[in-house]
PDB file of N, CA and C in Angstrom:
ATOM      1  N   MET A   1       1.033  -1.108   0.169  1.00  0.00           N
ATOM      2  CA  MET A   1      -0.017   0.132  -0.029  1.00  0.00           C
ATOM      3  C   MET A   1       0.956   1.296  -0.127  1.00  0.00           C
ATOM      4  N   LEU A   2       0.540   2.071  -0.731  1.00  0.00           N
ATOM      5  CA  LEU A   2       1.294   3.530  -0.892  1.00  0.00           C
ATOM      6  C   LEU A   2       1.155   4.276   0.408  1.00  0.00           C
ATOM      7  N   LYS A   3       2.105   4.825   1.018  1.00  0.00           N
ATOM      8  CA  LYS A   3       1.980   5.552   2.337  1.00  0.00           C
ATOM      9  C   LYS A   3       1.518   7.012   1.977  1.00  0.00           C
ATOM     10  N   PRO A   4       0.239   7.323   2.494  1.00  0.00           N
ATOM     11  CA  PRO A   4      -0.208   8.923   2.186  1.00  0.00           C
ATOM     12  C   PRO A   4       0.648   9.540   3.124  1.00  0.00           C
ATOM     13  N   ARG A   5       0.706  10.808   2.519  1.00  0.00           N
ATOM     14  CA  ARG A   5       1.521  11.800   3.390  1.00  0.00           C
ATOM     15  C   ARG A   5       0.614  12.236   4.785  1.00  0.00           C
ATOM     16  N   LYS A   6       1.327  12.521   5.880  1.00  0.00           N
ATOM     17  CA  LYS A   6       0.697  12.928   7.010  1.00  0.00           C
ATOM     18  C   LYS A   6      -0.243  13.899   6.717  1.00  0.00           C
ATOM     19  N   GLU A   7       0.078  15.069   6.078  1.00  0.00           N
ATOM     20  CA  GLU A   7      -0.629  16.150   5.849  1.00  0.00           C
ATOM     21  C   GLU A   7      -1.990  15.879   5.221  1.00  0.00           C
ATOM     22  N   LEU A   8      -2.168  14.730   4.457  1.00  0.00           N
ATOM     23  CA  LEU A   8      -3.269  14.269   3.761  1.00  0.00           C
ATOM     24  C   LEU A   8      -4.212  13.263   4.599  1.00  0.00           C
ATOM     25  N   SER A   9      -3.692  12.968   5.630  1.00  0.00           N
ATOM     26  CA  SER A   9      -4.380  11.750   6.310  1.00  0.00           C
ATOM     27  C   SER A   9      -5.671  11.989   6.926  1.00  0.00           C
ATOM     28  N   GLY A  10      -6.024  13.143   7.256  1.00  0.00           N
ATOM     29  CA  GLY A  10      -7.324  13.942   7.698  1.00  0.00           C
ATOM     30  C   GLY A  10      -8.254  13.425   6.367  1.00  0.00           C
ATOM     31  N   GLY A  11      -7.889  14.057   5.597  1.00  0.00           N
ATOM     32  CA  GLY A  11      -8.904  13.966   4.198  1.00  0.00           C
ATOM     33  C   GLY A  11      -8.964  12.454   3.709  1.00  0.00           C
ATOM     34  N   ALA A  12      -8.003  11.512   4.045  1.00  0.00           N
ATOM     35  CA  ALA A  12      -7.802  10.184   3.583  1.00  0.00           C
ATOM     36  C   ALA A  12      -8.920   9.566   4.551  1.00  0.00           C
ATOM     37  N   VAL A  13      -8.962   9.758   5.769  1.00  0.00           N
ATOM     38  CA  VAL A  13     -10.009   8.992   6.745  1.00  0.00           C
ATOM     39  C   VAL A  13     -11.467   9.482   6.475  1.00  0.00           C
ATOM     40  N   PHE A  14     -11.450  11.015   6.258  1.00  0.00           N
ATOM     41  CA  PHE A  14     -12.871  11.405   5.921  1.00  0.00           C
ATOM     42  C   PHE A  14     -13.304  10.697   4.563  1.00  0.00           C
ATOM     43  N   HIS A  15     -12.687  10.658   3.656  1.00  0.00           N
ATOM     44  CA  HIS A  15     -13.024   9.768   2.525  1.00  0.00           C
ATOM     45  C   HIS A  15     -13.338   8.427   2.637  1.00  0.00           C
ATOM     46  N   CYS A  16     -12.733   7.534   3.731  1.00  0.00           N
ATOM     47  CA  CYS A  16     -12.974   6.428   4.245  1.00  0.00           C
ATOM     48  C   CYS A  16     -14.283   6.346   4.883  1.00  0.00           C
ATOM     49  N   GLN A  17     -14.694   7.380   5.613  1.00  0.00           N
ATOM     50  CA  GLN A  17     -15.959   7.307   6.248  1.00  0.00           C
ATOM     51  C   GLN A  17     -17.022   7.500   5.305  1.00  0.00           C
ATOM     52  N   GLN A  18     -16.845   8.314   4.408  1.00  0.00           N
ATOM     53  CA  GLN A  18     -17.832   8.656   3.169  1.00  0.00           C
ATOM     54  C   GLN A  18     -17.958   7.351   2.317  1.00  0.00           C
ATOM     55  N   ALA A  19     -16.947   6.651   1.950  1.00  0.00           N
ATOM     56  CA  ALA A  19     -17.158   5.365   1.293  1.00  0.00           C
ATOM     57  C   ALA A  19     -18.050   4.545   2.108  1.00  0.00           C
ATOM     58  N   ALA A  20     -17.668   4.217   3.419  1.00  0.00           N
ATOM     59  CA  ALA A  20     -18.723   3.244   4.216  1.00  0.00           C
ATOM     60  C   ALA A  20     -20.076   3.848   4.186  1.00  0.00           C
ATOM     61  N   GLU A  21     -20.278   5.167   4.260  1.00  0.00           N
ATOM     62  CA  GLU A  21     -21.542   5.672   4.573  1.00  0.00           C
ATOM     63  C   GLU A  21     -22.214   5.614   3.259  1.00  0.00           C
ATOM     64  N   LYS A  22     -21.599   5.899   2.214  1.00  0.00           N
ATOM     65  CA  LYS A  22     -22.474   5.701   0.801  1.00  0.00           C
ATOM     66  C   LYS A  22     -22.661   4.273   0.329  1.00  0.00           C
ATOM     67  N   ALA A  23     -21.941   3.374   0.846  1.00  0.00           N
ATOM     68  CA  ALA A  23     -22.240   2.109   0.582  1.00  0.00           C
ATOM     69  C   ALA A  23     -23.405   1.615   1.255  1.00  0.00           C
ATOM     70  N   LEU A  24     -23.496   2.044   2.549  1.00  0.00           N
ATOM     71  CA  LEU A  24     -24.724   1.724   3.390  1.00  0.00           C
ATOM     72  C   LEU A  24     -25.913   2.366   2.946  1.00  0.00           C
ATOM     73  N   LYS A  25     -25.750   3.448   2.423  1.00  0.00           N
ATOM     74  CA  LYS A  25     -26.928   4.211   2.039  1.00  0.00           C
ATOM     75  C   LYS A  25     -27.336   3.681   0.747  1.00  0.00           C
ATOM     76  N   ALA A  26     -26.598   3.214   0.015  1.00  0.00           N
ATOM     77  CA  ALA A  26     -26.784   2.578  -1.453  1.00  0.00           C
ATOM     78  C   ALA A  26     -27.626   1.266  -1.109  1.00  0.00           C
ATOM     79  N   PHE A  27     -27.303   0.645  -0.254  1.00  0.00           N
ATOM     80  CA  PHE A  27     -28.167  -0.561   0.208  1.00  0.00           C
ATOM     81  C   PHE A  27     -29.444  -0.057   0.691  1.00  0.00           C
ATOM     82  N   LEU A  28     -29.891   0.895   1.316  1.00  0.00           N
ATOM     83  CA  LEU A  28     -31.103   1.154   1.859  1.00  0.00           C
ATOM     84  C   LEU A  28     -31.749   1.816   0.408  1.00  0.00           C
ATOM     85  N   VAL A  29     -31.045   2.435  -0.248  1.00  0.00           N
ATOM     86  CA  VAL A  29     -31.886   2.857  -1.417  1.00  0.00           C
ATOM     87  C   VAL A  29     -32.314   1.815  -2.263  1.00  0.00           C
ATOM     88  N   TRP A  30     -31.390   0.876  -2.539  1.00  0.00           N
ATOM     89  CA  TRP A  30     -31.762  -0.602  -3.272  1.00  0.00           C
ATOM     90  C   TRP A  30     -32.978  -0.897  -2.779  1.00  0.00           C
ATOM     91  N   HIS A  31     -33.159  -1.011  -1.538  1.00  0.00           N
ATOM     92  CA  HIS A  31     -34.323  -1.705  -0.633  1.00  0.00           C
ATOM     93  C   HIS A  31     -35.520  -0.613  -0.452  1.00  0.00           C
ATOM     94  N   ASP A  32     -35.381   0.626  -1.080  1.00  0.00           N
ATOM     95  CA  ASP A  32     -36.563   1.446  -1.115  1.00  0.00           C
ATOM     96  C   ASP A  32     -36.690   1.917   0.566  1.00  0.00           C
ATOM     97  N   VAL A  33     -35.567   1.892   1.348  1.00  0.00           N
ATOM     98  CA  VAL A  33     -35.861   2.456   2.860  1.00  0.00           C
ATOM     99  C   VAL A  33     -35.326   3.812   2.854  1.00  0.00           C
ATOM    100  N   PRO A  34     -36.251   4.482   3.276  1.00  0.00           N
ATOM    101  CA  PRO A  34     -35.813   6.038   3.453  1.00  0.00           C
ATOM    102  C   PRO A  34     -34.924   6.076   4.784  1.00  0.00           C
ATOM    103  N   PHE A  35     -34.166   7.203   4.638  1.00  0.00           N
ATOM    104  CA  PHE A  35     -33.248   7.379   5.936  1.00  0.00           C
ATOM    105  C   PHE A  35     -32.991   9.217   5.893  1.00  0.00           C
ATOM    106  N   ARG A  36     -32.682   9.453   7.136  1.00  0.00           N
ATOM    107  CA  ARG A  36     -32.371  10.900   7.213  1.00  0.00           C
ATOM    108  C   ARG A  36     -31.284  11.368   6.924  1.00  0.00           C
ATOM    109  N   LYS A  37     -31.034  12.614   6.524  1.00  0.00           N
ATOM    110  CA  LYS A  37     -29.677  13.200   6.209  1.00  0.00           C
ATOM    111  C   LYS A  37     -28.899  13.135   7.503  1.00  0.00           C
ATOM    112  N   THR A  38     -27.870  12.295   7.657  1.00  0.00           N
ATOM    113  CA  THR A  38     -26.699  11.892   8.790  1.00  0.00           C
ATOM    114  C   THR A  38     -25.689  11.134   8.085  1.00  0.00           C
ATOM    115  N   HIS A  39     -24.278  11.539   8.953  1.00  0.00           N
ATOM    116  CA  HIS A  39     -23.155  10.671   8.679  1.00  0.00           C
ATOM    117  C   HIS A  39     -22.966   9.627   9.864  1.00  0.00           C
ATOM    118  N   ASP A  40     -23.998   9.412  10.602  1.00  0.00           N
ATOM    119  CA  ASP A  40     -23.901   8.410  11.708  1.00  0.00           C
ATOM    120  C   ASP A  40     -24.199   7.178  11.185  1.00  0.00           C
ATOM    121  N   LEU A  41     -22.834   6.461  11.015  1.00  0.00           N
ATOM    122  CA  LEU A  41     -22.851   4.892  10.709  1.00  0.00           C
ATOM    123  C   LEU A  41     -23.635   4.085  11.710  1.00  0.00           C
ATOM    124  N   LYS A  42     -23.685   4.371  12.702  1.00  0.00           N
ATOM    125  CA  LYS A  42     -24.463   3.424  13.554  1.00  0.00           C
ATOM    126  C   LYS A  42     -25.974   3.606  13.093  1.00  0.00           C
ATOM    127  N   GLU A  43     -26.562   4.930  13.088  1.00  0.00           N
ATOM    128  CA  GLU A  43     -27.855   5.062  12.757  1.00  0.00           C
ATOM    129  C   GLU A  43     -28.288   4.420  11.237  1.00  0.00           C
ATOM    130  N   ILE A  44     -27.429   4.657  10.286  1.00  0.00           N
ATOM    131  CA  ILE A  44     -27.519   3.997   9.084  1.00  0.00           C
ATOM    132  C   ILE A  44     -27.318   2.537   8.851  1.00  0.00           C
ATOM    133  N   GLY A  45     -26.438   2.098   9.809  1.00  0.00           N
ATOM    134  CA  GLY A  45     -26.018   0.695   9.628  1.00  0.00           C
ATOM    135  C   GLY A  45     -27.203  -0.102  10.379  1.00  0.00           C
ATOM    136  N   GLU A  46     -27.876   0.533  11.300  1.00  0.00           N
ATOM    137  CA  GLU A  46     -28.867  -0.246  11.926  1.00  0.00           C
ATOM    138  C   GLU A  46     -29.912  -0.548  11.061  1.00  0.00           C
ATOM    139  N   ALA A  47     -30.399   0.554  10.271  1.00  0.00           N
ATOM    140  CA  ALA A  47     -31.431   0.303   9.193  1.00  0.00           C
ATOM    141  C   ALA A  47     -30.921  -0.707   8.174  1.00  0.00           C
ATOM    142  N   CYS A  48     -29.737  -0.872   7.991  1.00  0.00           N
ATOM    143  CA  CYS A  48     -29.135  -1.884   6.913  1.00  0.00           C
ATOM    144  C   CYS A  48     -29.219  -3.270   7.865  1.00  0.00           C
ATOM    145  N   VAL A  49     -29.072  -3.359   8.995  1.00  0.00           N
ATOM    146  CA  VAL A  49     -29.107  -4.560   9.740  1.00  0.00           C
ATOM    147  C   VAL A  49     -30.531  -5.095   9.832  1.00  0.00           C
ATOM    148  N   GLU A  50     -31.727  -4.235   9.756  1.00  0.00           N
ATOM    149  CA  GLU A  50     -32.967  -4.612   9.991  1.00  0.00           C
ATOM    150  C   GLU A  50     -33.381  -5.475   8.540  1.00  0.00           C
ATOM    151  N   LEU A  51     -32.513  -5.110   7.437  1.00  0.00           N
ATOM    152  CA  LEU A  51     -32.738  -5.734   6.274  1.00  0.00           C
ATOM    153  C   LEU A  51     -31.946  -7.096   6.076  1.00  0.00           C
ATOM    154  N   ASP A  52     -30.723  -7.148   6.601  1.00  0.00           N
ATOM    155  CA  ASP A  52     -29.934  -8.122   6.582  1.00  0.00           C
ATOM    156  C   ASP A  52     -28.956  -8.381   7.867  1.00  0.00           C
ATOM    157  N   THR A  53     -29.439  -9.024   8.801  1.00  0.00           N
ATOM    158  CA  THR A  53     -28.668  -9.369  10.001  1.00  0.00           C
ATOM    159  C   THR A  53     -27.431  -9.603  10.030  1.00  0.00           C
ATOM    160  N   ASN A  54     -26.848 -10.466   8.878  1.00  0.00           N
ATOM    161  CA  ASN A  54     -25.677 -10.499   8.697  1.00  0.00           C
ATOM    162  C   ASN A  54     -24.672  -9.566   8.558  1.00  0.00           C
ATOM    163  N   LEU A  55     -25.344  -8.221   8.404  1.00  0.00           N
ATOM    164  CA  LEU A  55     -24.214  -6.984   8.496  1.00  0.00           C
ATOM    165  C   LEU A  55     -24.062  -6.446   9.718  1.00  0.00           C
ATOM    166  N   MET A  56     -24.414  -7.175  10.847  1.00  0.00           N
ATOM    167  CA  MET A  56     -24.353  -6.615  12.105  1.00  0.00           C
ATOM    168  C   MET A  56     -22.818  -6.590  12.359  1.00  0.00           C
ATOM    169  N   GLY A  57     -22.079  -7.455  12.198  1.00  0.00           N
ATOM    170  CA  GLY A  57     -20.569  -7.344  12.380  1.00  0.00           C
ATOM    171  C   GLY A  57     -19.893  -6.100  11.641  1.00  0.00           C
ATOM    172  N   PHE A  58     -20.309  -6.386  10.388  1.00  0.00           N
ATOM    173  CA  PHE A  58     -19.579  -5.154   9.472  1.00  0.00           C
ATOM    174  C   PHE A  58     -19.893  -3.714  10.076  1.00  0.00           C
ATOM    175  N   VAL A  59     -21.234  -3.522  10.360  1.00  0.00           N
ATOM    176  CA  VAL A  59     -21.676  -2.164  10.979  1.00  0.00           C
ATOM    177  C   VAL A  59     -20.923  -1.949  12.113  1.00  0.00           C
ATOM    178  N   GLY A  60     -20.825  -2.946  13.070  1.00  0.00           N
ATOM    179  CA  GLY A  60     -20.404  -2.594  14.180  1.00  0.00           C
ATOM    180  C   GLY A  60     -19.037  -2.142  14.256  1.00  0.00           C
ATOM    181  N   ARG A  61     -18.188  -2.855  13.233  1.00  0.00           N
ATOM    182  CA  ARG A  61     -16.685  -2.399  13.215  1.00  0.00           C
ATOM    183  C   ARG A  61     -16.660  -1.237  12.275  1.00  0.00           C
ATOM    184  N   ALA A  62     -17.618  -0.719  11.623  1.00  0.00           N
ATOM    185  CA  ALA A  62     -17.445   0.650  10.965  1.00  0.00           C
ATOM    186  C   ALA A  62     -17.954   1.726  11.686  1.00  0.00           C
ATOM    187  N   VAL A  63     -18.657   1.402  12.792  1.00  0.00           N
ATOM    188  CA  VAL A  63     -19.300   2.708  13.531  1.00  0.00           C
ATOM    189  C   VAL A  63     -18.115   3.675  13.765  1.00  0.00           C
ATOM    190  N   PRO A  64     -16.975   3.240  14.314  1.00  0.00           N
ATOM    191  CA  PRO A  64     -15.862   4.277  14.648  1.00  0.00           C
ATOM    192  C   PRO A  64     -15.389   5.236  13.592  1.00  0.00           C
ATOM    193  N   LEU A  65     -15.680   4.762  12.192  1.00  0.00           N
ATOM    194  CA  LEU A  65     -15.480   5.777  11.147  1.00  0.00           C
ATOM    195  C   LEU A  65     -16.389   7.009  11.263  1.00  0.00           C
ATOM    196  N   THR A  66     -17.319   7.009  11.901  1.00  0.00           N
ATOM    197  CA  THR A  66     -18.324   8.093  12.009  1.00  0.00           C
ATOM    198  C   THR A  66     -17.547   9.433  12.222  1.00  0.00           C
ATOM    199  N   GLU A  67     -16.637   9.376  13.353  1.00  0.00           N
ATOM    200  CA  GLU A  67     -16.214  10.538  13.755  1.00  0.00           C
ATOM    201  C   GLU A  67     -15.149  11.173  12.743  1.00  0.00           C
ATOM    202  N   TYR A  68     -14.876  10.397  11.459  1.00  0.00           N
ATOM    203  CA  TYR A  68     -13.925  11.029  10.525  1.00  0.00           C
ATOM    204  C   TYR A  68     -14.886  11.820   9.675  1.00  0.00           C
ATOM    205  N   ALA A  69     -16.165  11.854   9.908  1.00  0.00           N
ATOM    206  CA  ALA A  69     -16.912  12.872   8.906  1.00  0.00           C
ATOM    207  C   ALA A  69     -16.658  14.111   9.316  1.00  0.00           C
ATOM    208  N   TRP A  70     -16.255  14.619  10.712  1.00  0.00           N
ATOM    209  CA  TRP A  70     -15.947  15.931  10.848  1.00  0.00           C
ATOM    210  C   TRP A  70     -14.582  16.016  11.640  1.00  0.00           C
ATOM    211  N   LYS A  71     -14.119  15.185  12.293  1.00  0.00           N
ATOM    212  CA  LYS A  71     -12.917  15.183  13.229  1.00  0.00           C
ATOM    213  C   LYS A  71     -11.659  16.224  12.837  1.00  0.00           C
ATOM    214  N   PHE A  72     -11.530  15.946  11.423  1.00  0.00           N
ATOM    215  CA  PHE A  72     -10.240  16.394  11.075  1.00  0.00           C
ATOM    216  C   PHE A  72     -10.471  17.374   9.963  1.00  0.00           C
ATOM    217  N   ARG A  73     -11.801  17.852   9.835  1.00  0.00           N
ATOM    218  CA  ARG A  73     -12.119  18.732   8.620  1.00  0.00           C
ATOM    219  C   ARG A  73     -12.084  20.022   8.847  1.00  0.00           C
ATOM    220  N   TYR A  74     -11.805  20.593  10.034  1.00  0.00           N
ATOM    221  CA  TYR A  74     -11.787  22.058  10.371  1.00  0.00           C
ATOM    222  C   TYR A  74     -10.545  22.405  10.819  1.00  0.00           C
ATOM    223  N   PRO A  75     -10.094  23.535  10.832  1.00  0.00           N
ATOM    224  CA  PRO A  75      -8.648  24.271  11.395  1.00  0.00           C
ATOM    225  C   PRO A  75      -8.939  24.092  12.877  1.00  0.00           C
ATOM    226  N   GLY A  76      -7.946  23.855  13.543  1.00  0.00           N
ATOM    227  CA  GLY A  76      -7.856  23.747  15.014  1.00  0.00           C
ATOM    228  C   GLY A  76      -8.274  22.558  15.610  1.00  0.00           C
ATOM    229  N   GLU A  77      -8.546  21.503  14.717  1.00  0.00           N
ATOM    230  CA  GLU A  77      -8.763  20.344  15.253  1.00  0.00           C
ATOM    231  C   GLU A  77      -7.663  19.308  15.680  1.00  0.00           C
ATOM    232  N   PRO A  78      -7.949  18.421  16.104  1.00  0.00           N
ATOM    233  CA  PRO A  78      -6.707  17.466  16.659  1.00  0.00           C
ATOM    234  C   PRO A  78      -5.615  17.086  15.671  1.00  0.00           C
ATOM    235  N   GLU A  79      -4.615  16.854  16.214  1.00  0.00           N
ATOM    236  CA  GLU A  79      -3.552  16.330  15.182  1.00  0.00           C
ATOM    237  C   GLU A  79      -4.001  15.365  14.199  1.00  0.00           C
ATOM    238  N   ALA A  80      -3.324  15.571  12.973  1.00  0.00           N
ATOM    239  CA  ALA A  80      -3.966  14.351  12.077  1.00  0.00           C
ATOM    240  C   ALA A  80      -3.703  13.003  12.421  1.00  0.00           C
ATOM    241  N   PRO A  81      -4.529  12.201  11.799  1.00  0.00           N
ATOM    242  CA  PRO A  81      -4.383  10.776  12.301  1.00  0.00           C
ATOM    243  C   PRO A  81      -3.197  10.103  11.688  1.00  0.00           C
ATOM    244  N   SER A  82      -2.717   9.085  12.599  1.00  0.00           N
ATOM    245  CA  SER A  82      -1.484   8.382  12.130  1.00  0.00           C
ATOM    246  C   SER A  82      -1.601   7.754  10.814  1.00  0.00           C
ATOM    247  N   LEU A  83      -0.666   7.185  10.240  1.00  0.00           N
ATOM    248  CA  LEU A  83      -0.733   6.452   9.140  1.00  0.00           C
ATOM    249  C   LEU A  83      -1.443   5.160   9.230  1.00  0.00           C
ATOM    250  N   GLU A  84      -1.134   4.518  10.411  1.00  0.00           N
ATOM    251  CA  GLU A  84      -1.672   3.309  10.889  1.00  0.00           C
ATOM    252  C   GLU A  84      -3.017   3.489  10.836  1.00  0.00           C
ATOM    253  N   GLU A  85      -3.807   4.655  11.531  1.00  0.00           N
ATOM    254  CA  GLU A  85      -5.048   4.959  11.519  1.00  0.00           C
ATOM    255  C   GLU A  85      -5.825   5.198  10.165  1.00  0.00           C
ATOM    256  N   VAL A  86      -5.074   5.475   9.270  1.00  0.00           N
ATOM    257  CA  VAL A  86      -5.482   5.777   7.869  1.00  0.00           C
ATOM    258  C   VAL A  86      -5.739   4.350   7.202  1.00  0.00           C
ATOM    259  N   GLU A  87      -4.715   3.487   7.551  1.00  0.00           N
ATOM    260  CA  GLU A  87      -4.688   2.241   6.928  1.00  0.00           C
ATOM    261  C   GLU A  87      -5.723   1.373   7.310  1.00  0.00           C
ATOM    262  N   ALA A  88      -6.153   1.480   8.813  1.00  0.00           N
ATOM    263  CA  ALA A  88      -7.098   0.726   9.491  1.00  0.00           C
ATOM    264  C   ALA A  88      -8.558   1.414   8.880  1.00  0.00           C
ATOM    265  N   ALA A  89      -8.911   2.604   8.679  1.00  0.00           N
ATOM    266  CA  ALA A  89      -9.999   3.052   8.289  1.00  0.00           C
ATOM    267  C   ALA A  89     -10.113   2.868   6.836  1.00  0.00           C
ATOM    268  N   PHE A  90      -9.127   2.693   5.907  1.00  0.00           N
ATOM    269  CA  PHE A  90      -9.141   1.947   4.541  1.00  0.00           C
ATOM    270  C   PHE A  90      -9.702   0.651   4.669  1.00  0.00           C
ATOM    271  N   ALA A  91      -8.984   0.002   5.561  1.00  0.00           N
ATOM    272  CA  ALA A  91      -9.460  -1.542   5.640  1.00  0.00           C
ATOM    273  C   ALA A  91     -11.037  -1.571   5.958  1.00  0.00           C
ATOM    274  N   LEU A  92     -11.406  -1.000   7.103  1.00  0.00           N
ATOM    275  CA  LEU A  92     -12.853  -0.846   7.202  1.00  0.00           C
ATOM    276  C   LEU A  92     -13.556  -0.613   6.309  1.00  0.00           C
ATOM    277  N   ALA A  93     -13.413   0.553   5.493  1.00  0.00           N
ATOM    278  CA  ALA A  93     -14.265   1.227   4.490  1.00  0.00           C
ATOM    279  C   ALA A  93     -14.422   0.045   3.361  1.00  0.00           C
ATOM    280  N   THR A  94     -13.254  -0.553   2.948  1.00  0.00           N
ATOM    281  CA  THR A  94     -13.194  -1.619   2.043  1.00  0.00           C
ATOM    282  C   THR A  94     -14.106  -2.831   2.416  1.00  0.00           C
ATOM    283  N   GLU A  95     -14.029  -3.103   3.676  1.00  0.00           N
ATOM    284  CA  GLU A  95     -14.605  -4.417   4.099  1.00  0.00           C
ATOM    285  C   GLU A  95     -16.174  -4.139   4.077  1.00  0.00           C
ATOM    286  N   VAL A  96     -16.722  -2.790   4.259  1.00  0.00           N
ATOM    287  CA  VAL A  96     -18.049  -2.467   4.447  1.00  0.00           C
ATOM    288  C   VAL A  96     -18.454  -2.615   2.917  1.00  0.00           C
ATOM    289  N   TYR A  97     -17.637  -1.847   2.041  1.00  0.00           N
ATOM    290  CA  TYR A  97     -18.082  -1.761   0.611  1.00  0.00           C
ATOM    291  C   TYR A  97     -18.278  -3.154   0.035  1.00  0.00           C
ATOM    292  N   GLU A  98     -17.381  -3.909   0.372  1.00  0.00           N
ATOM    293  CA  GLU A  98     -17.375  -5.422  -0.319  1.00  0.00           C
ATOM    294  C   GLU A  98     -18.610  -6.197   0.229  1.00  0.00           C
ATOM    295  N   ALA A  99     -19.110  -5.841   1.638  1.00  0.00           N
ATOM    296  CA  ALA A  99     -19.954  -6.781   2.166  1.00  0.00           C
ATOM    297  C   ALA A  99     -21.335  -6.150   1.547  1.00  0.00           C
ATOM    298  N   ILE A 100     -21.635  -4.841   1.330  1.00  0.00           N
ATOM    299  CA  ILE A 100     -22.577  -4.389   0.726  1.00  0.00           C
ATOM    300  C   ILE A 100     -22.711  -4.858  -0.865  1.00  0.00           C
ATOM    301  N   LEU A 101     -21.703  -4.669  -1.540  1.00  0.00           N
ATOM    302  CA  LEU A 101     -21.566  -5.076  -2.963  1.00  0.00           C
ATOM    303  C   LEU A 101     -22.113  -6.494  -3.037  1.00  0.00           C
ATOM    304  N   LYS A 102     -21.593  -7.498  -2.180  1.00  0.00           N
ATOM    305  CA  LYS A 102     -22.094  -8.915  -2.341  1.00  0.00           C
ATOM    306  C   LYS A 102     -23.359  -9.087  -2.103  1.00  0.00           C
ATOM    307  N   ARG A 103     -24.208  -8.128  -1.514  1.00  0.00           N
ATOM    308  CA  ARG A 103     -25.570  -8.325  -1.095  1.00  0.00           C
ATOM    309  C   ARG A 103     -26.685  -7.439  -2.303  1.00  0.00           C
ATOM    310  N   LEU A 104     -25.941  -6.733  -3.316  1.00  0.00           N
ATOM    311  CA  LEU A 104     -26.659  -6.270  -4.369  1.00  0.00           C
ATOM    312  C   LEU A 104     -26.467  -6.955  -5.632  1.00  0.00           C
ATOM    313  N   PRO A 105     -27.510  -6.776  -6.607  1.00  0.00           N
ATOM    314  CA  PRO A 105     -27.263  -7.704  -7.731  1.00  0.00           C
ATOM    315  C   PRO A 105     -26.275  -7.066  -8.676  1.00  0.00           C
ATOM    316  N   LYS A 106     -26.041  -8.135  -9.319  1.00  0.00           N
ATOM    317  CA  LYS A 106     -24.494  -8.195 -10.229  1.00  0.00           C
ATOM    318  C   LYS A 106     -24.697  -6.892 -11.217  1.00  0.00           C
ATOM    319  N   GLU A 107     -25.867  -6.685 -11.748  1.00  0.00           N
ATOM    320  CA  GLU A 107     -25.910  -5.364 -12.584  1.00  0.00           C
ATOM    321  C   GLU A 107     -25.589  -4.045 -11.953  1.00  0.00           C
ATOM    322  N   VAL A 108     -25.604  -4.120 -10.641  1.00  0.00           N
ATOM    323  CA  VAL A 108     -25.070  -2.722  -9.957  1.00  0.00           C
ATOM    324  C   VAL A 108     -23.494  -2.635  -9.787  1.00  0.00           C
ATOM    325  N   GLU A 109     -22.783  -3.789  -9.976  1.00  0.00           N
ATOM    326  CA  GLU A 109     -21.520  -3.786  -9.694  1.00  0.00           C
ATOM    327  C   GLU A 109     -20.734  -2.758 -10.558  1.00  0.00           C
ATOM    328  N   PRO A 110     -19.595  -2.182 -10.156  1.00  0.00           N
ATOM    329  CA  PRO A 110     -18.957  -1.336 -10.959  1.00  0.00           C
ATOM    330  C   PRO A 110     -18.241  -1.889 -12.131  1.00  0.00           C
TER     331      PRO A 110
END
């Protein structure tokens, strides 16, 4: 894996959170389940688990990504995440994305 530059790590974890969020929301959209505007992966994930209880483990592991929707986005916030934190966030986002993709029809695959 390429090592991201430290000054870009806040943006990297933000995009990991966004990838997980958008995958979960896509699952809800596919099933015509409405959801409110939120970045809370616990809330979005619980709605997904109601449709497929096998997603519980994926959702539970992804919930900590929620804080990346805001934590490093504004000046004066905490120090940038470590490269290890970025790699862990990327692994979680990938896991959620792949879990959702397996539950959608083949015709929606990229």
